[in-house]
Amino acid sequence: MSNRIARKSAQPLVEVFKQMLAESGATTTHNTNLIFSAWDAVSGAGAYTIKRFFRDGKLYITLSSSVICNQLSMQKDVLVAKINSVIAGNELYIGQAAEGPVKQLILK
């Protein structure tokens, strides 16, 4: 019996990370956290965001300020497009980022 590890070809760290997430079953949680980070970056309302929830292509956001909620509700389509472009540019997103994971933005 040998304690040697079999040699494999070199892989980029990003690919190893994606494989590790896929094997552990944590891809959904990881992708959701990337979407939440994209929301904070794109909207600028991360400090006013109370709750975040993502399911079936719908991103539910609860804001503490009704004024900010009203301003952002007029820009829903632009925000969805920007969130999807941030996700598409992220190498660590696991899945079909071409069409974008966020289909609809619901602000409360």
PDB file of N, CA and C in Angstrom:
ATOM      1  N   MET A   1       0.823  -1.181   0.000  1.00  0.00           N
ATOM      2  CA  MET A   1       0.000   0.000   0.000  1.00  0.00           C
ATOM      3  C   MET A   1       0.870   1.248   0.000  1.00  0.00           C
ATOM      4  N   SER A   2       0.482   2.112  -0.868  1.00  0.00           N
ATOM      5  CA  SER A   2       1.245   3.339  -1.011  1.00  0.00           C
ATOM      6  C   SER A   2       0.388   4.531  -0.612  1.00  0.00           C
ATOM      7  N   ASN A   3       0.995   5.457   0.075  1.00  0.00           N
ATOM      8  CA  ASN A   3       0.293   6.670   0.487  1.00  0.00           C
ATOM      9  C   ASN A   3       0.483   7.800  -0.515  1.00  0.00           C
ATOM     10  N   ARG A   4       0.903   7.468  -1.677  1.00  0.00           N
ATOM     11  CA  ARG A   4       1.161   8.478  -2.695  1.00  0.00           C
ATOM     12  C   ARG A   4      -0.137   8.898  -3.372  1.00  0.00           C
ATOM     13  N   ILE A   5      -0.194  10.145  -3.685  1.00  0.00           N
ATOM     14  CA  ILE A   5      -1.348  10.687  -4.397  1.00  0.00           C
ATOM     15  C   ILE A   5      -1.065  10.584  -5.888  1.00  0.00           C
ATOM     16  N   ALA A   6      -2.056  10.123  -6.606  1.00  0.00           N
ATOM     17  CA  ALA A   6      -1.883   9.999  -8.052  1.00  0.00           C
ATOM     18  C   ALA A   6      -1.762  11.387  -8.675  1.00  0.00           C
ATOM     19  N   ARG A   7      -0.861  11.507  -9.608  1.00  0.00           N
ATOM     20  CA  ARG A   7      -0.659  12.791 -10.271  1.00  0.00           C
ATOM     21  C   ARG A   7      -1.728  13.002 -11.325  1.00  0.00           C
ATOM     22  N   LYS A   8      -2.187  14.222 -11.391  1.00  0.00           N
ATOM     23  CA  LYS A   8      -3.162  14.600 -12.407  1.00  0.00           C
ATOM     24  C   LYS A   8      -2.628  15.825 -13.112  1.00  0.00           C
ATOM     25  N   SER A   9      -3.250  16.153 -14.202  1.00  0.00           N
ATOM     26  CA  SER A   9      -2.806  17.348 -14.925  1.00  0.00           C
ATOM     27  C   SER A   9      -3.185  18.589 -14.124  1.00  0.00           C
ATOM     28  N   ALA A  10      -2.448  19.633 -14.315  1.00  0.00           N
ATOM     29  CA  ALA A  10      -2.690  20.883 -13.588  1.00  0.00           C
ATOM     30  C   ALA A  10      -3.998  21.507 -14.044  1.00  0.00           C
ATOM     31  N   GLN A  11      -4.738  22.042 -13.082  1.00  0.00           N
ATOM     32  CA  GLN A  11      -6.000  22.707 -13.362  1.00  0.00           C
ATOM     33  C   GLN A  11      -5.975  24.086 -12.725  1.00  0.00           C
ATOM     34  N   PRO A  12      -6.668  25.039 -13.341  1.00  0.00           N
ATOM     35  CA  PRO A  12      -6.763  26.357 -12.712  1.00  0.00           C
ATOM     36  C   PRO A  12      -7.522  26.262 -11.384  1.00  0.00           C
ATOM     37  N   LEU A  13      -7.174  27.126 -10.465  1.00  0.00           N
ATOM     38  CA  LEU A  13      -7.802  27.116  -9.149  1.00  0.00           C
ATOM     39  C   LEU A  13      -9.309  27.335  -9.229  1.00  0.00           C
ATOM     40  N   VAL A  14      -9.747  28.128 -10.185  1.00  0.00           N
ATOM     41  CA  VAL A  14     -11.180  28.384 -10.361  1.00  0.00           C
ATOM     42  C   VAL A  14     -11.908  27.084 -10.672  1.00  0.00           C
ATOM     43  N   GLU A  15     -11.337  26.258 -11.533  1.00  0.00           N
ATOM     44  CA  GLU A  15     -11.967  24.984 -11.885  1.00  0.00           C
ATOM     45  C   GLU A  15     -12.009  24.026 -10.694  1.00  0.00           C
ATOM     46  N   VAL A  16     -10.965  24.025  -9.910  1.00  0.00           N
ATOM     47  CA  VAL A  16     -10.924  23.169  -8.717  1.00  0.00           C
ATOM     48  C   VAL A  16     -11.994  23.625  -7.722  1.00  0.00           C
ATOM     49  N   PHE A  17     -12.129  24.936  -7.559  1.00  0.00           N
ATOM     50  CA  PHE A  17     -13.127  25.493  -6.655  1.00  0.00           C
ATOM     51  C   PHE A  17     -14.540  25.140  -7.116  1.00  0.00           C
ATOM     52  N   LYS A  18     -14.807  25.264  -8.421  1.00  0.00           N
ATOM     53  CA  LYS A  18     -16.126  24.911  -8.953  1.00  0.00           C
ATOM     54  C   LYS A  18     -16.428  23.431  -8.739  1.00  0.00           C
ATOM     55  N   GLN A  19     -15.428  22.591  -8.954  1.00  0.00           N
ATOM     56  CA  GLN A  19     -15.610  21.150  -8.768  1.00  0.00           C
ATOM     57  C   GLN A  19     -15.882  20.831  -7.300  1.00  0.00           C
ATOM     58  N   MET A  20     -15.175  21.496  -6.400  1.00  0.00           N
ATOM     59  CA  MET A  20     -15.381  21.275  -4.974  1.00  0.00           C
ATOM     60  C   MET A  20     -16.799  21.671  -4.556  1.00  0.00           C
ATOM     61  N   LEU A  21     -17.280  22.810  -5.052  1.00  0.00           N
ATOM     62  CA  LEU A  21     -18.639  23.250  -4.726  1.00  0.00           C
ATOM     63  C   LEU A  21     -19.680  22.289  -5.287  1.00  0.00           C
ATOM     64  N   ALA A  22     -19.456  21.819  -6.505  1.00  0.00           N
ATOM     65  CA  ALA A  22     -20.404  20.890  -7.118  1.00  0.00           C
ATOM     66  C   ALA A  22     -20.474  19.574  -6.350  1.00  0.00           C
ATOM     67  N   GLU A  23     -19.334  19.078  -5.912  1.00  0.00           N
ATOM     68  CA  GLU A  23     -19.309  17.813  -5.180  1.00  0.00           C
ATOM     69  C   GLU A  23     -19.906  17.948  -3.787  1.00  0.00           C
ATOM     70  N   SER A  24     -19.789  19.123  -3.186  1.00  0.00           N
ATOM     71  CA  SER A  24     -20.324  19.310  -1.834  1.00  0.00           C
ATOM     72  C   SER A  24     -21.802  19.685  -1.837  1.00  0.00           C
ATOM     73  N   GLY A  25     -22.341  20.050  -3.004  1.00  0.00           N
ATOM     74  CA  GLY A  25     -23.751  20.425  -3.090  1.00  0.00           C
ATOM     75  C   GLY A  25     -24.022  21.859  -2.656  1.00  0.00           C
ATOM     76  N   ALA A  26     -23.010  22.681  -2.623  1.00  0.00           N
ATOM     77  CA  ALA A  26     -23.158  24.059  -2.150  1.00  0.00           C
ATOM     78  C   ALA A  26     -23.257  25.072  -3.285  1.00  0.00           C
ATOM     79  N   THR A  27     -23.515  24.617  -4.496  1.00  0.00           N
ATOM     80  CA  THR A  27     -23.531  25.546  -5.624  1.00  0.00           C
ATOM     81  C   THR A  27     -24.675  26.550  -5.530  1.00  0.00           C
ATOM     82  N   THR A  28     -25.841  26.115  -5.092  1.00  0.00           N
ATOM     83  CA  THR A  28     -26.989  27.026  -5.003  1.00  0.00           C
ATOM     84  C   THR A  28     -26.718  28.143  -4.008  1.00  0.00           C
ATOM     85  N   THR A  29     -26.206  27.800  -2.851  1.00  0.00           N
ATOM     86  CA  THR A  29     -25.891  28.807  -1.839  1.00  0.00           C
ATOM     87  C   THR A  29     -24.814  29.756  -2.336  1.00  0.00           C
ATOM     88  N   HIS A  30     -23.802  29.216  -2.976  1.00  0.00           N
ATOM     89  CA  HIS A  30     -22.717  30.038  -3.503  1.00  0.00           C
ATOM     90  C   HIS A  30     -23.231  31.010  -4.567  1.00  0.00           C
ATOM     91  N   ASN A  31     -24.030  30.507  -5.504  1.00  0.00           N
ATOM     92  CA  ASN A  31     -24.571  31.363  -6.560  1.00  0.00           C
ATOM     93  C   ASN A  31     -25.481  32.441  -5.989  1.00  0.00           C
ATOM     94  N   THR A  32     -26.284  32.097  -4.998  1.00  0.00           N
ATOM     95  CA  THR A  32     -27.170  33.072  -4.365  1.00  0.00           C
ATOM     96  C   THR A  32     -26.366  34.174  -3.694  1.00  0.00           C
ATOM     97  N   ASN A  33     -25.289  33.821  -3.033  1.00  0.00           N
ATOM     98  CA  ASN A  33     -24.437  34.837  -2.407  1.00  0.00           C
ATOM     99  C   ASN A  33     -23.783  35.744  -3.446  1.00  0.00           C
ATOM    100  N   LEU A  34     -23.429  35.204  -4.598  1.00  0.00           N
ATOM    101  CA  LEU A  34     -22.889  36.031  -5.677  1.00  0.00           C
ATOM    102  C   LEU A  34     -23.945  37.008  -6.194  1.00  0.00           C
ATOM    103  N   ILE A  35     -25.184  36.557  -6.285  1.00  0.00           N
ATOM    104  CA  ILE A  35     -26.270  37.430  -6.729  1.00  0.00           C
ATOM    105  C   ILE A  35     -26.511  38.549  -5.719  1.00  0.00           C
ATOM    106  N   PHE A  36     -26.477  38.210  -4.429  1.00  0.00           N
ATOM    107  CA  PHE A  36     -26.655  39.233  -3.398  1.00  0.00           C
ATOM    108  C   PHE A  36     -25.518  40.254  -3.435  1.00  0.00           C
ATOM    109  N   SER A  37     -24.310  39.802  -3.661  1.00  0.00           N
ATOM    110  CA  SER A  37     -23.172  40.721  -3.771  1.00  0.00           C
ATOM    111  C   SER A  37     -23.316  41.624  -4.993  1.00  0.00           C
ATOM    112  N   ALA A  38     -23.823  41.058  -6.083  1.00  0.00           N
ATOM    113  CA  ALA A  38     -24.044  41.855  -7.290  1.00  0.00           C
ATOM    114  C   ALA A  38     -25.124  42.908  -7.034  1.00  0.00           C
ATOM    115  N   TRP A  39     -26.161  42.560  -6.271  1.00  0.00           N
ATOM    116  CA  TRP A  39     -27.195  43.530  -5.915  1.00  0.00           C
ATOM    117  C   TRP A  39     -26.585  44.701  -5.144  1.00  0.00           C
ATOM    118  N   ASP A  40     -25.771  44.403  -4.158  1.00  0.00           N
ATOM    119  CA  ASP A  40     -25.140  45.458  -3.363  1.00  0.00           C
ATOM    120  C   ASP A  40     -24.276  46.365  -4.233  1.00  0.00           C
ATOM    121  N   ALA A  41     -23.529  45.772  -5.153  1.00  0.00           N
ATOM    122  CA  ALA A  41     -22.628  46.547  -6.000  1.00  0.00           C
ATOM    123  C   ALA A  41     -23.386  47.402  -7.010  1.00  0.00           C
ATOM    124  N   VAL A  42     -24.419  46.847  -7.600  1.00  0.00           N
ATOM    125  CA  VAL A  42     -25.139  47.532  -8.673  1.00  0.00           C
ATOM    126  C   VAL A  42     -26.104  48.582  -8.138  1.00  0.00           C
ATOM    127  N   SER A  43     -26.835  48.254  -7.107  1.00  0.00           N
ATOM    128  CA  SER A  43     -27.891  49.150  -6.629  1.00  0.00           C
ATOM    129  C   SER A  43     -27.360  50.290  -5.778  1.00  0.00           C
ATOM    130  N   GLY A  44     -26.306  50.030  -5.034  1.00  0.00           N
ATOM    131  CA  GLY A  44     -25.818  51.031  -4.093  1.00  0.00           C
ATOM    132  C   GLY A  44     -26.686  51.124  -2.854  1.00  0.00           C
ATOM    133  N   ALA A  45     -27.636  50.211  -2.726  1.00  0.00           N
ATOM    134  CA  ALA A  45     -28.576  50.240  -1.610  1.00  0.00           C
ATOM    135  C   ALA A  45     -28.306  49.109  -0.622  1.00  0.00           C
ATOM    136  N   GLY A  46     -27.093  48.610  -0.592  1.00  0.00           N
ATOM    137  CA  GLY A  46     -26.759  47.521   0.317  1.00  0.00           C
ATOM    138  C   GLY A  46     -26.961  47.896   1.774  1.00  0.00           C
ATOM    139  N   ALA A  47     -26.691  49.155   2.109  1.00  0.00           N
ATOM    140  CA  ALA A  47     -26.847  49.601   3.500  1.00  0.00           C
ATOM    141  C   ALA A  47     -28.319  49.688   3.903  1.00  0.00           C
ATOM    142  N   TYR A  48     -29.205  49.837   2.928  1.00  0.00           N
ATOM    143  CA  TYR A  48     -30.636  49.964   3.210  1.00  0.00           C
ATOM    144  C   TYR A  48     -31.392  48.654   3.007  1.00  0.00           C
ATOM    145  N   THR A  49     -30.686  47.612   2.616  1.00  0.00           N
ATOM    146  CA  THR A  49     -31.312  46.326   2.357  1.00  0.00           C
ATOM    147  C   THR A  49     -31.460  45.550   3.662  1.00  0.00           C
ATOM    148  N   ILE A  50     -32.707  45.201   3.983  1.00  0.00           N
ATOM    149  CA  ILE A  50     -32.989  44.463   5.217  1.00  0.00           C
ATOM    150  C   ILE A  50     -32.971  42.959   4.958  1.00  0.00           C
ATOM    151  N   LYS A  51     -33.711  42.533   3.923  1.00  0.00           N
ATOM    152  CA  LYS A  51     -33.812  41.108   3.604  1.00  0.00           C
ATOM    153  C   LYS A  51     -33.545  40.896   2.129  1.00  0.00           C
ATOM    154  N   ARG A  52     -32.974  39.732   1.842  1.00  0.00           N
ATOM    155  CA  ARG A  52     -32.727  39.301   0.465  1.00  0.00           C
ATOM    156  C   ARG A  52     -33.200  37.865   0.340  1.00  0.00           C
ATOM    157  N   PHE A  53     -33.815  37.559  -0.798  1.00  0.00           N
ATOM    158  CA  PHE A  53     -34.268  36.198  -1.038  1.00  0.00           C
ATOM    159  C   PHE A  53     -34.261  35.967  -2.543  1.00  0.00           C
ATOM    160  N   PHE A  54     -33.769  34.814  -2.971  1.00  0.00           N
ATOM    161  CA  PHE A  54     -33.712  34.490  -4.398  1.00  0.00           C
ATOM    162  C   PHE A  54     -34.241  33.091  -4.623  1.00  0.00           C
ATOM    163  N   ARG A  55     -35.218  32.983  -5.528  1.00  0.00           N
ATOM    164  CA  ARG A  55     -35.759  31.673  -5.893  1.00  0.00           C
ATOM    165  C   ARG A  55     -36.408  31.764  -7.268  1.00  0.00           C
ATOM    166  N   ASP A  56     -36.164  30.765  -8.080  1.00  0.00           N
ATOM    167  CA  ASP A  56     -36.781  30.627  -9.400  1.00  0.00           C
ATOM    168  C   ASP A  56     -36.622  31.870 -10.272  1.00  0.00           C
ATOM    169  N   GLY A  57     -35.457  32.472 -10.224  1.00  0.00           N
ATOM    170  CA  GLY A  57     -35.197  33.622 -11.068  1.00  0.00           C
ATOM    171  C   GLY A  57     -35.731  34.939 -10.543  1.00  0.00           C
ATOM    172  N   LYS A  58     -36.340  34.919  -9.374  1.00  0.00           N
ATOM    173  CA  LYS A  58     -36.899  36.139  -8.790  1.00  0.00           C
ATOM    174  C   LYS A  58     -36.044  36.561  -7.596  1.00  0.00           C
ATOM    175  N   LEU A  59     -35.617  37.806  -7.616  1.00  0.00           N
ATOM    176  CA  LEU A  59     -34.826  38.372  -6.533  1.00  0.00           C
ATOM    177  C   LEU A  59     -35.728  39.294  -5.728  1.00  0.00           C
ATOM    178  N   TYR A  60     -36.015  38.883  -4.484  1.00  0.00           N
ATOM    179  CA  TYR A  60     -36.867  39.656  -3.583  1.00  0.00           C
ATOM    180  C   TYR A  60     -35.964  40.480  -2.664  1.00  0.00           C
ATOM    181  N   ILE A  61     -36.199  41.781  -2.629  1.00  0.00           N
ATOM    182  CA  ILE A  61     -35.397  42.689  -1.813  1.00  0.00           C
ATOM    183  C   ILE A  61     -36.330  43.513  -0.938  1.00  0.00           C
ATOM    184  N   THR A  62     -36.056  43.537   0.361  1.00  0.00           N
ATOM    185  CA  THR A  62     -36.797  44.390   1.297  1.00  0.00           C
ATOM    186  C   THR A  62     -35.870  45.508   1.735  1.00  0.00           C
ATOM    187  N   LEU A  63     -36.330  46.736   1.537  1.00  0.00           N
ATOM    188  CA  LEU A  63     -35.530  47.920   1.857  1.00  0.00           C
ATOM    189  C   LEU A  63     -36.107  48.642   3.067  1.00  0.00           C
ATOM    190  N   SER A  64     -35.236  49.306   3.816  1.00  0.00           N
ATOM    191  CA  SER A  64     -35.673  50.037   5.008  1.00  0.00           C
ATOM    192  C   SER A  64     -36.175  51.437   4.674  1.00  0.00           C
ATOM    193  N   SER A  65     -35.911  51.924   3.477  1.00  0.00           N
ATOM    194  CA  SER A  65     -36.303  53.270   3.083  1.00  0.00           C
ATOM    195  C   SER A  65     -37.304  53.206   1.933  1.00  0.00           C
ATOM    196  N   SER A  66     -38.475  53.783   2.144  1.00  0.00           N
ATOM    197  CA  SER A  66     -39.486  53.790   1.087  1.00  0.00           C
ATOM    198  C   SER A  66     -39.080  54.702  -0.062  1.00  0.00           C
ATOM    199  N   VAL A  67     -38.308  55.743   0.233  1.00  0.00           N
ATOM    200  CA  VAL A  67     -37.842  56.653  -0.812  1.00  0.00           C
ATOM    201  C   VAL A  67     -36.895  55.929  -1.762  1.00  0.00           C
ATOM    202  N   ILE A  68     -35.962  55.196  -1.211  1.00  0.00           N
ATOM    203  CA  ILE A  68     -35.010  54.443  -2.041  1.00  0.00           C
ATOM    204  C   ILE A  68     -35.733  53.334  -2.800  1.00  0.00           C
ATOM    205  N   CYS A  69     -36.679  52.693  -2.154  1.00  0.00           N
ATOM    206  CA  CYS A  69     -37.460  51.646  -2.815  1.00  0.00           C
ATOM    207  C   CYS A  69     -38.198  52.219  -4.021  1.00  0.00           C
ATOM    208  N   ASN A  70     -38.764  53.401  -3.865  1.00  0.00           N
ATOM    209  CA  ASN A  70     -39.486  54.045  -4.959  1.00  0.00           C
ATOM    210  C   ASN A  70     -38.540  54.416  -6.095  1.00  0.00           C
ATOM    211  N   GLN A  71     -37.375  54.950  -5.772  1.00  0.00           N
ATOM    212  CA  GLN A  71     -36.407  55.308  -6.805  1.00  0.00           C
ATOM    213  C   GLN A  71     -35.904  54.093  -7.565  1.00  0.00           C
ATOM    214  N   LEU A  72     -35.617  53.019  -6.833  1.00  0.00           N
ATOM    215  CA  LEU A  72     -35.099  51.808  -7.475  1.00  0.00           C
ATOM    216  C   LEU A  72     -36.178  51.067  -8.260  1.00  0.00           C
ATOM    217  N   SER A  73     -37.428  51.200  -7.850  1.00  0.00           N
ATOM    218  CA  SER A  73     -38.500  50.488  -8.555  1.00  0.00           C
ATOM    219  C   SER A  73     -38.680  51.025  -9.977  1.00  0.00           C
ATOM    220  N   MET A  74     -38.279  52.276 -10.212  1.00  0.00           N
ATOM    221  CA  MET A  74     -38.363  52.831 -11.565  1.00  0.00           C
ATOM    222  C   MET A  74     -37.230  52.320 -12.451  1.00  0.00           C
ATOM    223  N   GLN A  75     -36.232  51.688 -11.853  1.00  0.00           N
ATOM    224  CA  GLN A  75     -35.070  51.206 -12.602  1.00  0.00           C
ATOM    225  C   GLN A  75     -34.931  49.695 -12.556  1.00  0.00           C
ATOM    226  N   LYS A  76     -36.003  48.980 -12.338  1.00  0.00           N
ATOM    227  CA  LYS A  76     -35.931  47.523 -12.169  1.00  0.00           C
ATOM    228  C   LYS A  76     -35.267  46.823 -13.349  1.00  0.00           C
ATOM    229  N   ASP A  77     -35.686  47.155 -14.565  1.00  0.00           N
ATOM    230  CA  ASP A  77     -35.143  46.476 -15.743  1.00  0.00           C
ATOM    231  C   ASP A  77     -33.643  46.729 -15.895  1.00  0.00           C
ATOM    232  N   VAL A  78     -33.229  47.959 -15.629  1.00  0.00           N
ATOM    233  CA  VAL A  78     -31.805  48.306 -15.722  1.00  0.00           C
ATOM    234  C   VAL A  78     -31.017  47.565 -14.647  1.00  0.00           C
ATOM    235  N   LEU A  79     -31.570  47.489 -13.434  1.00  0.00           N
ATOM    236  CA  LEU A  79     -30.886  46.795 -12.342  1.00  0.00           C
ATOM    237  C   LEU A  79     -30.737  45.306 -12.638  1.00  0.00           C
ATOM    238  N   VAL A  80     -31.789  44.693 -13.178  1.00  0.00           N
ATOM    239  CA  VAL A  80     -31.724  43.267 -13.516  1.00  0.00           C
ATOM    240  C   VAL A  80     -30.646  43.032 -14.568  1.00  0.00           C
ATOM    241  N   ALA A  81     -30.602  43.886 -15.574  1.00  0.00           N
ATOM    242  CA  ALA A  81     -29.585  43.737 -16.628  1.00  0.00           C
ATOM    243  C   ALA A  81     -28.174  43.908 -16.058  1.00  0.00           C
ATOM    244  N   LYS A  82     -27.989  44.873 -15.172  1.00  0.00           N
ATOM    245  CA  LYS A  82     -26.662  45.097 -14.588  1.00  0.00           C
ATOM    246  C   LYS A  82     -26.256  43.950 -13.672  1.00  0.00           C
ATOM    247  N   ILE A  83     -27.195  43.435 -12.879  1.00  0.00           N
ATOM    248  CA  ILE A  83     -26.892  42.295 -11.999  1.00  0.00           C
ATOM    249  C   ILE A  83     -26.471  41.100 -12.845  1.00  0.00           C
ATOM    250  N   ASN A  84     -27.218  40.830 -13.906  1.00  0.00           N
ATOM    251  CA  ASN A  84     -26.895  39.693 -14.770  1.00  0.00           C
ATOM    252  C   ASN A  84     -25.553  39.881 -15.475  1.00  0.00           C
ATOM    253  N   SER A  85     -25.210  41.117 -15.822  1.00  0.00           N
ATOM    254  CA  SER A  85     -23.907  41.333 -16.461  1.00  0.00           C
ATOM    255  C   SER A  85     -22.765  41.145 -15.469  1.00  0.00           C
ATOM    256  N   VAL A  86     -22.976  41.534 -14.215  1.00  0.00           N
ATOM    257  CA  VAL A  86     -21.957  41.302 -13.183  1.00  0.00           C
ATOM    258  C   VAL A  86     -21.768  39.803 -12.959  1.00  0.00           C
ATOM    259  N   ILE A  87     -22.864  39.073 -12.913  1.00  0.00           N
ATOM    260  CA  ILE A  87     -22.806  37.616 -12.717  1.00  0.00           C
ATOM    261  C   ILE A  87     -22.123  36.953 -13.918  1.00  0.00           C
ATOM    262  N   ALA A  88     -22.451  37.409 -15.114  1.00  0.00           N
ATOM    263  CA  ALA A  88     -21.846  36.818 -16.325  1.00  0.00           C
ATOM    264  C   ALA A  88     -20.340  37.035 -16.355  1.00  0.00           C
ATOM    265  N   GLY A  89     -19.875  38.115 -15.762  1.00  0.00           N
ATOM    266  CA  GLY A  89     -18.450  38.399 -15.741  1.00  0.00           C
ATOM    267  C   GLY A  89     -17.707  37.734 -14.602  1.00  0.00           C
ATOM    268  N   ASN A  90     -18.422  37.051 -13.734  1.00  0.00           N
ATOM    269  CA  ASN A  90     -17.801  36.405 -12.580  1.00  0.00           C
ATOM    270  C   ASN A  90     -17.441  34.964 -12.926  1.00  0.00           C
ATOM    271  N   GLU A  91     -16.167  34.635 -12.845  1.00  0.00           N
ATOM    272  CA  GLU A  91     -15.705  33.272 -13.163  1.00  0.00           C
ATOM    273  C   GLU A  91     -16.214  32.239 -12.174  1.00  0.00           C
ATOM    274  N   LEU A  92     -16.535  32.657 -10.969  1.00  0.00           N
ATOM    275  CA  LEU A  92     -16.928  31.708  -9.932  1.00  0.00           C
ATOM    276  C   LEU A  92     -18.404  31.338  -9.969  1.00  0.00           C
ATOM    277  N   TYR A  93     -19.184  31.966 -10.842  1.00  0.00           N
ATOM    278  CA  TYR A  93     -20.593  31.595 -10.964  1.00  0.00           C
ATOM    279  C   TYR A  93     -20.691  30.236 -11.626  1.00  0.00           C
ATOM    280  N   ILE A  94     -21.474  29.354 -11.053  1.00  0.00           N
ATOM    281  CA  ILE A  94     -21.607  27.991 -11.556  1.00  0.00           C
ATOM    282  C   ILE A  94     -22.986  27.850 -12.167  1.00  0.00           C
ATOM    283  N   GLY A  95     -23.047  27.686 -13.453  1.00  0.00           N
ATOM    284  CA  GLY A  95     -24.335  27.529 -14.120  1.00  0.00           C
ATOM    285  C   GLY A  95     -24.370  28.279 -15.428  1.00  0.00           C
ATOM    286  N   GLN A  96     -25.569  28.473 -15.924  1.00  0.00           N
ATOM    287  CA  GLN A  96     -25.783  29.149 -17.191  1.00  0.00           C
ATOM    288  C   GLN A  96     -25.899  30.644 -16.956  1.00  0.00           C
ATOM    289  N   ALA A  97     -24.797  31.348 -16.989  1.00  0.00           N
ATOM    290  CA  ALA A  97     -24.810  32.791 -16.753  1.00  0.00           C
ATOM    291  C   ALA A  97     -25.104  33.568 -18.033  1.00  0.00           C
ATOM    292  N   ALA A  98     -25.173  32.899 -19.171  1.00  0.00           N
ATOM    293  CA  ALA A  98     -25.371  33.599 -20.443  1.00  0.00           C
ATOM    294  C   ALA A  98     -26.714  34.323 -20.482  1.00  0.00           C
ATOM    295  N   GLU A  99     -27.784  33.652 -20.079  1.00  0.00           N
ATOM    296  CA  GLU A  99     -29.095  34.307 -20.101  1.00  0.00           C
ATOM    297  C   GLU A  99     -29.368  35.080 -18.818  1.00  0.00           C
ATOM    298  N   GLY A 100     -28.567  34.865 -17.815  1.00  0.00           N
ATOM    299  CA  GLY A 100     -28.704  35.593 -16.559  1.00  0.00           C
ATOM    300  C   GLY A 100     -29.603  34.874 -15.579  1.00  0.00           C
ATOM    301  N   PRO A 101     -29.162  34.764 -14.346  1.00  0.00           N
ATOM    302  CA  PRO A 101     -29.950  34.041 -13.356  1.00  0.00           C
ATOM    303  C   PRO A 101     -31.158  34.827 -12.851  1.00  0.00           C
ATOM    304  N   VAL A 102     -31.078  36.160 -12.857  1.00  0.00           N
ATOM    305  CA  VAL A 102     -32.170  36.983 -12.324  1.00  0.00           C
ATOM    306  C   VAL A 102     -33.105  37.348 -13.461  1.00  0.00           C
ATOM    307  N   LYS A 103     -34.348  36.935 -13.350  1.00  0.00           N
ATOM    308  CA  LYS A 103     -35.367  37.228 -14.354  1.00  0.00           C
ATOM    309  C   LYS A 103     -36.244  38.402 -13.934  1.00  0.00           C
ATOM    310  N   GLN A 104     -36.471  38.508 -12.621  1.00  0.00           N
ATOM    311  CA  GLN A 104     -37.386  39.523 -12.122  1.00  0.00           C
ATOM    312  C   GLN A 104     -36.880  40.057 -10.777  1.00  0.00           C
ATOM    313  N   LEU A 105     -37.073  41.354 -10.565  1.00  0.00           N
ATOM    314  CA  LEU A 105     -36.689  42.007  -9.317  1.00  0.00           C
ATOM    315  C   LEU A 105     -37.955  42.487  -8.624  1.00  0.00           C
ATOM    316  N   ILE A 106     -38.134  42.077  -7.373  1.00  0.00           N
ATOM    317  CA  ILE A 106     -39.313  42.476  -6.604  1.00  0.00           C
ATOM    318  C   ILE A 106     -38.834  43.240  -5.380  1.00  0.00           C
ATOM    319  N   LEU A 107     -39.211  44.510  -5.316  1.00  0.00           N
ATOM    320  CA  LEU A 107     -38.794  45.380  -4.224  1.00  0.00           C
ATOM    321  C   LEU A 107     -39.962  45.590  -3.265  1.00  0.00           C
ATOM    322  N   LYS A 108     -39.625  45.562  -1.982  1.00  0.00           N
ATOM    323  CA  LYS A 108     -40.645  45.781  -0.937  1.00  0.00           C
ATOM    324  C   LYS A 108     -40.158  46.859   0.000  1.00  0.00           C
TER     325      LYS A 108
END
